PDB file of N, CA and C in Angstrom:
ATOM      1  N   MET A   1       0.827  -1.188   0.000  1.00  0.00           N
ATOM      2  CA  MET A   1       0.000   0.000   0.000  1.00  0.00           C
ATOM      3  C   MET A   1       0.879   1.262   0.000  1.00  0.00           C
ATOM      4  N   ILE A   2       2.011   1.218   0.699  1.00  0.00           N
ATOM      5  CA  ILE A   2       2.905   2.374   0.735  1.00  0.00           C
ATOM      6  C   ILE A   2       3.422   2.682  -0.663  1.00  0.00           C
ATOM      7  N   GLN A   3       3.731   1.643  -1.430  1.00  0.00           N
ATOM      8  CA  GLN A   3       4.230   1.836  -2.788  1.00  0.00           C
ATOM      9  C   GLN A   3       3.180   2.512  -3.672  1.00  0.00           C
ATOM     10  N   GLU A   4       1.927   2.125  -3.517  1.00  0.00           N
ATOM     11  CA  GLU A   4       0.853   2.660  -4.361  1.00  0.00           C
ATOM     12  C   GLU A   4       0.412   4.056  -3.942  1.00  0.00           C
ATOM     13  N   GLU A   5       0.257   4.271  -2.652  1.00  0.00           N
ATOM     14  CA  GLU A   5      -0.295   5.535  -2.146  1.00  0.00           C
ATOM     15  C   GLU A   5       0.736   6.650  -2.049  1.00  0.00           C
ATOM     16  N   LYS A   6       2.011   6.301  -1.875  1.00  0.00           N
ATOM     17  CA  LYS A   6       3.096   7.270  -1.736  1.00  0.00           C
ATOM     18  C   LYS A   6       2.786   8.334  -0.677  1.00  0.00           C
ATOM     19  N   PRO A   7       2.655   7.899   0.594  1.00  0.00           N
ATOM     20  CA  PRO A   7       2.334   8.857   1.658  1.00  0.00           C
ATOM     21  C   PRO A   7       3.509   9.781   1.956  1.00  0.00           C
ATOM     22  N   ALA A   8       3.215  10.886   2.621  1.00  0.00           N
ATOM     23  CA  ALA A   8       4.256  11.830   3.026  1.00  0.00           C
ATOM     24  C   ALA A   8       4.938  11.373   4.304  1.00  0.00           C
ATOM     25  N   LEU A   9       4.287  10.462   5.040  1.00  0.00           N
ATOM     26  CA  LEU A   9       4.763  10.019   6.344  1.00  0.00           C
ATOM     27  C   LEU A   9       4.117   8.679   6.667  1.00  0.00           C
ATOM     28  N   VAL A  10       4.842   7.818   7.371  1.00  0.00           N
ATOM     29  CA  VAL A  10       4.289   6.541   7.810  1.00  0.00           C
ATOM     30  C   VAL A  10       4.375   6.484   9.329  1.00  0.00           C
ATOM     31  N   ILE A  11       3.255   6.157   9.971  1.00  0.00           N
ATOM     32  CA  ILE A  11       3.221   5.955  11.418  1.00  0.00           C
ATOM     33  C   ILE A  11       2.878   4.492  11.651  1.00  0.00           C
ATOM     34  N   LEU A  12       3.780   3.779  12.343  1.00  0.00           N
ATOM     35  CA  LEU A  12       3.591   2.359  12.602  1.00  0.00           C
ATOM     36  C   LEU A  12       3.443   2.095  14.092  1.00  0.00           C
ATOM     37  N   ASP A  13       2.514   1.230  14.429  1.00  0.00           N
ATOM     38  CA  ASP A  13       2.404   0.749  15.798  1.00  0.00           C
ATOM     39  C   ASP A  13       3.451  -0.338  15.979  1.00  0.00           C
ATOM     40  N   TYR A  14       4.165  -0.306  17.078  1.00  0.00           N
ATOM     41  CA  TYR A  14       5.214  -1.282  17.334  1.00  0.00           C
ATOM     42  C   TYR A  14       4.654  -2.707  17.364  1.00  0.00           C
ATOM     43  N   ALA A  15       3.455  -2.861  17.860  1.00  0.00           N
ATOM     44  CA  ALA A  15       2.855  -4.189  18.023  1.00  0.00           C
ATOM     45  C   ALA A  15       1.760  -4.432  16.987  1.00  0.00           C
ATOM     46  N   LEU A  16       2.086  -4.339  15.719  1.00  0.00           N
ATOM     47  CA  LEU A  16       1.109  -4.615  14.664  1.00  0.00           C
ATOM     48  C   LEU A  16       0.742  -6.099  14.684  1.00  0.00           C
ATOM     49  N   PRO A  17      -0.525  -6.422  14.764  1.00  0.00           N
ATOM     50  CA  PRO A  17      -0.902  -7.841  14.757  1.00  0.00           C
ATOM     51  C   PRO A  17      -0.614  -8.475  13.394  1.00  0.00           C
ATOM     52  N   GLY A  18       0.171  -9.536  13.423  1.00  0.00           N
ATOM     53  CA  GLY A  18       0.455 -10.267  12.197  1.00  0.00           C
ATOM     54  C   GLY A  18       1.580  -9.694  11.350  1.00  0.00           C
ATOM     55  N   PHE A  19       2.183  -8.584  11.771  1.00  0.00           N
ATOM     56  CA  PHE A  19       3.257  -7.958  11.010  1.00  0.00           C
ATOM     57  C   PHE A  19       4.381  -7.555  11.955  1.00  0.00           C
ATOM     58  N   SER A  20       5.567  -7.411  11.425  1.00  0.00           N
ATOM     59  CA  SER A  20       6.687  -6.877  12.185  1.00  0.00           C
ATOM     60  C   SER A  20       6.943  -5.449  11.711  1.00  0.00           C
ATOM     61  N   SER A  21       6.725  -4.508  12.596  1.00  0.00           N
ATOM     62  CA  SER A  21       6.979  -3.105  12.253  1.00  0.00           C
ATOM     63  C   SER A  21       8.430  -2.901  11.857  1.00  0.00           C
ATOM     64  N   LEU A  22       9.330  -3.570  12.545  1.00  0.00           N
ATOM     65  CA  LEU A  22      10.748  -3.426  12.235  1.00  0.00           C
ATOM     66  C   LEU A  22      11.061  -3.962  10.842  1.00  0.00           C
ATOM     67  N   ALA A  23      10.413  -5.052  10.453  1.00  0.00           N
ATOM     68  CA  ALA A  23      10.621  -5.605   9.107  1.00  0.00           C
ATOM     69  C   ALA A  23      10.091  -4.644   8.045  1.00  0.00           C
ATOM     70  N   ILE A  24       8.990  -3.982   8.324  1.00  0.00           N
ATOM     71  CA  ILE A  24       8.437  -3.003   7.381  1.00  0.00           C
ATOM     72  C   ILE A  24       9.418  -1.846   7.199  1.00  0.00           C
ATOM     73  N   ILE A  25       9.976  -1.363   8.297  1.00  0.00           N
ATOM     74  CA  ILE A  25      10.940  -0.264   8.221  1.00  0.00           C
ATOM     75  C   ILE A  25      12.176  -0.706   7.446  1.00  0.00           C
ATOM     76  N   ARG A  26      12.677  -1.894   7.753  1.00  0.00           N
ATOM     77  CA  ARG A  26      13.853  -2.407   7.031  1.00  0.00           C
ATOM     78  C   ARG A  26      13.583  -2.488   5.527  1.00  0.00           C
ATOM     79  N   ALA A  27      12.404  -2.970   5.164  1.00  0.00           N
ATOM     80  CA  ALA A  27      12.051  -3.096   3.742  1.00  0.00           C
ATOM     81  C   ALA A  27      11.982  -1.726   3.080  1.00  0.00           C
ATOM     82  N   LEU A  28      11.408  -0.750   3.758  1.00  0.00           N
ATOM     83  CA  LEU A  28      11.338   0.606   3.197  1.00  0.00           C
ATOM     84  C   LEU A  28      12.734   1.175   2.983  1.00  0.00           C
ATOM     85  N   ARG A  29      13.593   1.010   3.955  1.00  0.00           N
ATOM     86  CA  ARG A  29      14.942   1.575   3.858  1.00  0.00           C
ATOM     87  C   ARG A  29      15.786   0.824   2.835  1.00  0.00           C
ATOM     88  N   ALA A  30      15.565  -0.469   2.676  1.00  0.00           N
ATOM     89  CA  ALA A  30      16.352  -1.273   1.736  1.00  0.00           C
ATOM     90  C   ALA A  30      16.030  -0.922   0.291  1.00  0.00           C
ATOM     91  N   LYS A  31      14.794  -0.496   0.019  1.00  0.00           N
ATOM     92  CA  LYS A  31      14.389  -0.183  -1.348  1.00  0.00           C
ATOM     93  C   LYS A  31      15.027   1.096  -1.858  1.00  0.00           C
ATOM     94  N   GLY A  32      15.466   1.945  -0.938  1.00  0.00           N
ATOM     95  CA  GLY A  32      16.106   3.196  -1.352  1.00  0.00           C
ATOM     96  C   GLY A  32      15.123   4.122  -2.042  1.00  0.00           C
ATOM     97  N   GLY A  33      15.619   4.971  -2.907  1.00  0.00           N
ATOM     98  CA  GLY A  33      14.763   5.937  -3.605  1.00  0.00           C
ATOM     99  C   GLY A  33      14.004   6.793  -2.619  1.00  0.00           C
ATOM    100  N   ASN A  34      12.762   7.114  -2.956  1.00  0.00           N
ATOM    101  CA  ASN A  34      11.942   7.936  -2.072  1.00  0.00           C
ATOM    102  C   ASN A  34      11.597   7.229  -0.775  1.00  0.00           C
ATOM    103  N   ASN A  35      11.483   5.894  -0.800  1.00  0.00           N
ATOM    104  CA  ASN A  35      11.175   5.170   0.424  1.00  0.00           C
ATOM    105  C   ASN A  35      12.307   5.275   1.439  1.00  0.00           C
ATOM    106  N   GLY A  36      13.519   5.447   0.962  1.00  0.00           N
ATOM    107  CA  GLY A  36      14.643   5.615   1.872  1.00  0.00           C
ATOM    108  C   GLY A  36      14.586   6.919   2.631  1.00  0.00           C
ATOM    109  N   LYS A  37      13.879   7.907   2.070  1.00  0.00           N
ATOM    110  CA  LYS A  37      13.767   9.222   2.700  1.00  0.00           C
ATOM    111  C   LYS A  37      12.409   9.435   3.372  1.00  0.00           C
ATOM    112  N   LEU A  38      11.506   8.505   3.199  1.00  0.00           N
ATOM    113  CA  LEU A  38      10.161   8.621   3.762  1.00  0.00           C
ATOM    114  C   LEU A  38      10.234   8.653   5.287  1.00  0.00           C
ATOM    115  N   PRO A  39       9.702   9.703   5.923  1.00  0.00           N
ATOM    116  CA  PRO A  39       9.724   9.753   7.382  1.00  0.00           C
ATOM    117  C   PRO A  39       8.869   8.635   7.978  1.00  0.00           C
ATOM    118  N   VAL A  40       9.445   7.938   8.964  1.00  0.00           N
ATOM    119  CA  VAL A  40       8.755   6.825   9.619  1.00  0.00           C
ATOM    120  C   VAL A  40       8.752   7.066  11.120  1.00  0.00           C
ATOM    121  N   VAL A  41       7.556   6.996  11.707  1.00  0.00           N
ATOM    122  CA  VAL A  41       7.387   7.127  13.151  1.00  0.00           C
ATOM    123  C   VAL A  41       6.944   5.766  13.683  1.00  0.00           C
ATOM    124  N   LEU A  42       7.648   5.294  14.695  1.00  0.00           N
ATOM    125  CA  LEU A  42       7.321   4.028  15.341  1.00  0.00           C
ATOM    126  C   LEU A  42       6.853   4.355  16.752  1.00  0.00           C
ATOM    127  N   MET A  43       5.695   3.846  17.122  1.00  0.00           N
ATOM    128  CA  MET A  43       5.172   4.162  18.440  1.00  0.00           C
ATOM    129  C   MET A  43       4.446   2.978  19.047  1.00  0.00           C
ATOM    130  N   GLY A  44       4.413   2.946  20.367  1.00  0.00           N
ATOM    131  CA  GLY A  44       3.698   1.888  21.049  1.00  0.00           C
ATOM    132  C   GLY A  44       3.888   1.973  22.547  1.00  0.00           C
ATOM    133  N   ALA A  45       2.829   1.695  23.263  1.00  0.00           N
ATOM    134  CA  ALA A  45       2.872   1.768  24.720  1.00  0.00           C
ATOM    135  C   ALA A  45       3.732   0.662  25.322  1.00  0.00           C
ATOM    136  N   SER A  46       3.889  -0.449  24.599  1.00  0.00           N
ATOM    137  CA  SER A  46       4.654  -1.574  25.144  1.00  0.00           C
ATOM    138  C   SER A  46       6.142  -1.508  24.812  1.00  0.00           C
ATOM    139  N   MET A  47       6.584  -0.444  24.169  1.00  0.00           N
ATOM    140  CA  MET A  47       7.992  -0.332  23.786  1.00  0.00           C
ATOM    141  C   MET A  47       8.860  -0.053  25.008  1.00  0.00           C
ATOM    142  N   ARG A  48       9.983  -0.772  25.076  1.00  0.00           N
ATOM    143  CA  ARG A  48      10.972  -0.540  26.118  1.00  0.00           C
ATOM    144  C   ARG A  48      12.099   0.304  25.509  1.00  0.00           C
ATOM    145  N   GLU A  49      13.031   0.727  26.336  1.00  0.00           N
ATOM    146  CA  GLU A  49      14.135   1.554  25.842  1.00  0.00           C
ATOM    147  C   GLU A  49      14.922   0.835  24.755  1.00  0.00           C
ATOM    148  N   GLU A  50      15.150  -0.458  24.915  1.00  0.00           N
ATOM    149  CA  GLU A  50      15.902  -1.196  23.898  1.00  0.00           C
ATOM    150  C   GLU A  50      15.114  -1.298  22.593  1.00  0.00           C
ATOM    151  N   ASP A  51      13.787  -1.331  22.682  1.00  0.00           N
ATOM    152  CA  ASP A  51      12.961  -1.337  21.473  1.00  0.00           C
ATOM    153  C   ASP A  51      13.092  -0.016  20.724  1.00  0.00           C
ATOM    154  N   VAL A  52      13.160   1.074  21.465  1.00  0.00           N
ATOM    155  CA  VAL A  52      13.354   2.396  20.857  1.00  0.00           C
ATOM    156  C   VAL A  52      14.694   2.432  20.133  1.00  0.00           C
ATOM    157  N   LEU A  53      15.733   1.931  20.792  1.00  0.00           N
ATOM    158  CA  LEU A  53      17.060   1.910  20.168  1.00  0.00           C
ATOM    159  C   LEU A  53      17.070   1.073  18.895  1.00  0.00           C
ATOM    160  N   ILE A  54      16.456  -0.082  18.946  1.00  0.00           N
ATOM    161  CA  ILE A  54      16.405  -0.945  17.764  1.00  0.00           C
ATOM    162  C   ILE A  54      15.617  -0.264  16.655  1.00  0.00           C
ATOM    163  N   GLY A  55      14.491   0.347  17.000  1.00  0.00           N
ATOM    164  CA  GLY A  55      13.682   1.050  16.001  1.00  0.00           C
ATOM    165  C   GLY A  55      14.468   2.136  15.296  1.00  0.00           C
ATOM    166  N   LEU A  56      15.237   2.906  16.057  1.00  0.00           N
ATOM    167  CA  LEU A  56      16.051   3.961  15.466  1.00  0.00           C
ATOM    168  C   LEU A  56      17.166   3.374  14.611  1.00  0.00           C
ATOM    169  N   GLU A  57      17.755   2.263  15.056  1.00  0.00           N
ATOM    170  CA  GLU A  57      18.840   1.641  14.300  1.00  0.00           C
ATOM    171  C   GLU A  57      18.369   1.055  12.970  1.00  0.00           C
ATOM    172  N   VAL A  58      17.134   0.542  12.911  1.00  0.00           N
ATOM    173  CA  VAL A  58      16.659  -0.028  11.645  1.00  0.00           C
ATOM    174  C   VAL A  58      16.143   1.042  10.691  1.00  0.00           C
ATOM    175  N   GLY A  59      15.978   2.289  11.189  1.00  0.00           N
ATOM    176  CA  GLY A  59      15.624   3.349  10.262  1.00  0.00           C
ATOM    177  C   GLY A  59      14.444   4.220  10.622  1.00  0.00           C
ATOM    178  N   ALA A  60      13.820   4.020  11.769  1.00  0.00           N
ATOM    179  CA  ALA A  60      12.735   4.915  12.168  1.00  0.00           C
ATOM    180  C   ALA A  60      13.314   6.302  12.438  1.00  0.00           C
ATOM    181  N   ASP A  61      12.577   7.325  12.086  1.00  0.00           N
ATOM    182  CA  ASP A  61      13.022   8.696  12.319  1.00  0.00           C
ATOM    183  C   ASP A  61      12.647   9.186  13.708  1.00  0.00           C
ATOM    184  N   LEU A  62      11.602   8.591  14.259  1.00  0.00           N
ATOM    185  CA  LEU A  62      11.119   8.983  15.575  1.00  0.00           C
ATOM    186  C   LEU A  62      10.487   7.760  16.219  1.00  0.00           C
ATOM    187  N   CYS A  63      10.814   7.516  17.489  1.00  0.00           N
ATOM    188  CA  CYS A  63      10.204   6.429  18.251  1.00  0.00           C
ATOM    189  C   CYS A  63       9.591   7.017  19.510  1.00  0.00           C
ATOM    190  N   LEU A  64       8.331   6.739  19.725  1.00  0.00           N
ATOM    191  CA  LEU A  64       7.619   7.242  20.896  1.00  0.00           C
ATOM    192  C   LEU A  64       7.142   6.055  21.711  1.00  0.00           C
ATOM    193  N   ALA A  65       7.676   5.933  22.935  1.00  0.00           N
ATOM    194  CA  ALA A  65       7.395   4.766  23.744  1.00  0.00           C
ATOM    195  C   ALA A  65       6.386   5.033  24.857  1.00  0.00           C
ATOM    196  N   GLU A  66       6.224   6.247  25.247  1.00  0.00           N
ATOM    197  CA  GLU A  66       5.354   6.554  26.373  1.00  0.00           C
ATOM    198  C   GLU A  66       4.239   7.487  25.933  1.00  0.00           C
ATOM    199  N   SER A  67       3.383   7.798  26.881  1.00  0.00           N
ATOM    200  CA  SER A  67       2.329   8.759  26.556  1.00  0.00           C
ATOM    201  C   SER A  67       2.974  10.124  26.306  1.00  0.00           C
ATOM    202  N   PHE A  68       2.329  10.924  25.500  1.00  0.00           N
ATOM    203  CA  PHE A  68       2.871  12.215  25.131  1.00  0.00           C
ATOM    204  C   PHE A  68       1.722  13.169  24.901  1.00  0.00           C
ATOM    205  N   HIS A  69       2.015  14.441  24.947  1.00  0.00           N
ATOM    206  CA  HIS A  69       1.010  15.466  24.736  1.00  0.00           C
ATOM    207  C   HIS A  69       0.708  15.542  23.237  1.00  0.00           C
ATOM    208  N   PRO A  70      -0.558  15.575  22.847  1.00  0.00           N
ATOM    209  CA  PRO A  70      -0.910  15.608  21.424  1.00  0.00           C
ATOM    210  C   PRO A  70      -0.272  16.763  20.654  1.00  0.00           C
ATOM    211  N   GLN A  71      -0.150  17.934  21.272  1.00  0.00           N
ATOM    212  CA  GLN A  71       0.455  19.067  20.570  1.00  0.00           C
ATOM    213  C   GLN A  71       1.942  18.834  20.318  1.00  0.00           C
ATOM    214  N   VAL A  72       2.611  18.141  21.237  1.00  0.00           N
ATOM    215  CA  VAL A  72       4.021  17.803  21.043  1.00  0.00           C
ATOM    216  C   VAL A  72       4.150  16.809  19.894  1.00  0.00           C
ATOM    217  N   PHE A  73       3.236  15.852  19.840  1.00  0.00           N
ATOM    218  CA  PHE A  73       3.242  14.871  18.754  1.00  0.00           C
ATOM    219  C   PHE A  73       3.074  15.571  17.403  1.00  0.00           C
ATOM    220  N   VAL A  74       2.119  16.482  17.301  1.00  0.00           N
ATOM    221  CA  VAL A  74       1.879  17.216  16.053  1.00  0.00           C
ATOM    222  C   VAL A  74       3.105  18.044  15.675  1.00  0.00           C
ATOM    223  N   ALA A  75       3.730  18.685  16.644  1.00  0.00           N
ATOM    224  CA  ALA A  75       4.918  19.493  16.364  1.00  0.00           C
ATOM    225  C   ALA A  75       6.061  18.616  15.848  1.00  0.00           C
ATOM    226  N   ARG A  76       6.225  17.446  16.411  1.00  0.00           N
ATOM    227  CA  ARG A  76       7.282  16.540  15.948  1.00  0.00           C
ATOM    228  C   ARG A  76       7.005  16.054  14.529  1.00  0.00           C
ATOM    229  N   ILE A  77       5.749  15.752  14.236  1.00  0.00           N
ATOM    230  CA  ILE A  77       5.379  15.301  12.886  1.00  0.00           C
ATOM    231  C   ILE A  77       5.632  16.425  11.881  1.00  0.00           C
ATOM    232  N   ARG A  78       5.243  17.640  12.220  1.00  0.00           N
ATOM    233  CA  ARG A  78       5.488  18.778  11.324  1.00  0.00           C
ATOM    234  C   ARG A  78       6.979  18.957  11.064  1.00  0.00           C
ATOM    235  N   SER A  79       7.790  18.774  12.092  1.00  0.00           N
ATOM    236  CA  SER A  79       9.234  18.882  11.941  1.00  0.00           C
ATOM    237  C   SER A  79       9.768  17.824  10.979  1.00  0.00           C
ATOM    238  N   LEU A  80       9.298  16.587  11.111  1.00  0.00           N
ATOM    239  CA  LEU A  80       9.720  15.526  10.196  1.00  0.00           C
ATOM    240  C   LEU A  80       9.315  15.832   8.761  1.00  0.00           C
ATOM    241  N   LEU A  81       8.115  16.331   8.587  1.00  0.00           N
ATOM    242  CA  LEU A  81       7.639  16.639   7.242  1.00  0.00           C
ATOM    243  C   LEU A  81       8.415  17.793   6.617  1.00  0.00           C
ATOM    244  N   ARG A  82       8.784  18.787   7.420  1.00  0.00           N
ATOM    245  CA  ARG A  82       9.596  19.897   6.901  1.00  0.00           C
ATOM    246  C   ARG A  82      10.939  19.389   6.395  1.00  0.00           C
ATOM    247  N   ARG A  83      11.542  18.493   7.144  1.00  0.00           N
ATOM    248  CA  ARG A  83      12.846  17.966   6.739  1.00  0.00           C
ATOM    249  C   ARG A  83      12.736  17.066   5.510  1.00  0.00           C
ATOM    250  N   ALA A  84      11.583  16.453   5.303  1.00  0.00           N
ATOM    251  CA  ALA A  84      11.403  15.522   4.185  1.00  0.00           C
ATOM    252  C   ALA A  84      11.081  16.232   2.883  1.00  0.00           C
ATOM    253  N   GLU A  85      10.635  17.489   2.955  1.00  0.00           N
ATOM    254  CA  GLU A  85      10.298  18.223   1.740  1.00  0.00           C
ATOM    255  C   GLU A  85      11.541  18.460   0.911  1.00  0.00           C
ATOM    256  N   PRO A  86      11.422  18.370  -0.396  1.00  0.00           N
ATOM    257  CA  PRO A  86      12.586  18.665  -1.238  1.00  0.00           C
ATOM    258  C   PRO A  86      13.017  20.109  -1.071  1.00  0.00           C
ATOM    259  N   ALA A  87      14.301  20.314  -1.095  1.00  0.00           N
ATOM    260  CA  ALA A  87      14.839  21.672  -0.978  1.00  0.00           C
ATOM    261  C   ALA A  87      14.432  22.503  -2.176  1.00  0.00           C
ATOM    262  N   LYS A  88      14.083  23.742  -1.942  1.00  0.00           N
ATOM    263  CA  LYS A  88      13.708  24.644  -3.027  1.00  0.00           C
ATOM    264  C   LYS A  88      14.968  25.250  -3.644  1.00  0.00           C
ATOM    265  N   VAL A  89      15.006  25.281  -4.931  1.00  0.00           N
ATOM    266  CA  VAL A  89      16.144  25.858  -5.634  1.00  0.00           C
ATOM    267  C   VAL A  89      15.748  27.254  -6.104  1.00  0.00           C
ATOM    268  N   TYR A  90      16.571  28.213  -5.787  1.00  0.00           N
ATOM    269  CA  TYR A  90      16.271  29.603  -6.162  1.00  0.00           C
ATOM    270  C   TYR A  90      17.182  30.051  -7.268  1.00  0.00           C
TER     271      TYR A  90
END
């Protein structure tokens, strides 16, 4: 679905039923091209510190393990999207 829809950002739950979020991130990063630059957020209430480290090492741009303020979440997403936009040439 990511290949067809070409989203600006992917948010994955760490505990996806029937899927490995880490495998999805690895596959996105391995394909290179635009998928290599696609911002990926990994989140989940059951994530431990080592899960956050692994998520970042496999290619997640942001890992959120605990509860957070919704406005902080939106600000972080906006920051990721700003960095993902192609640079403007003047």
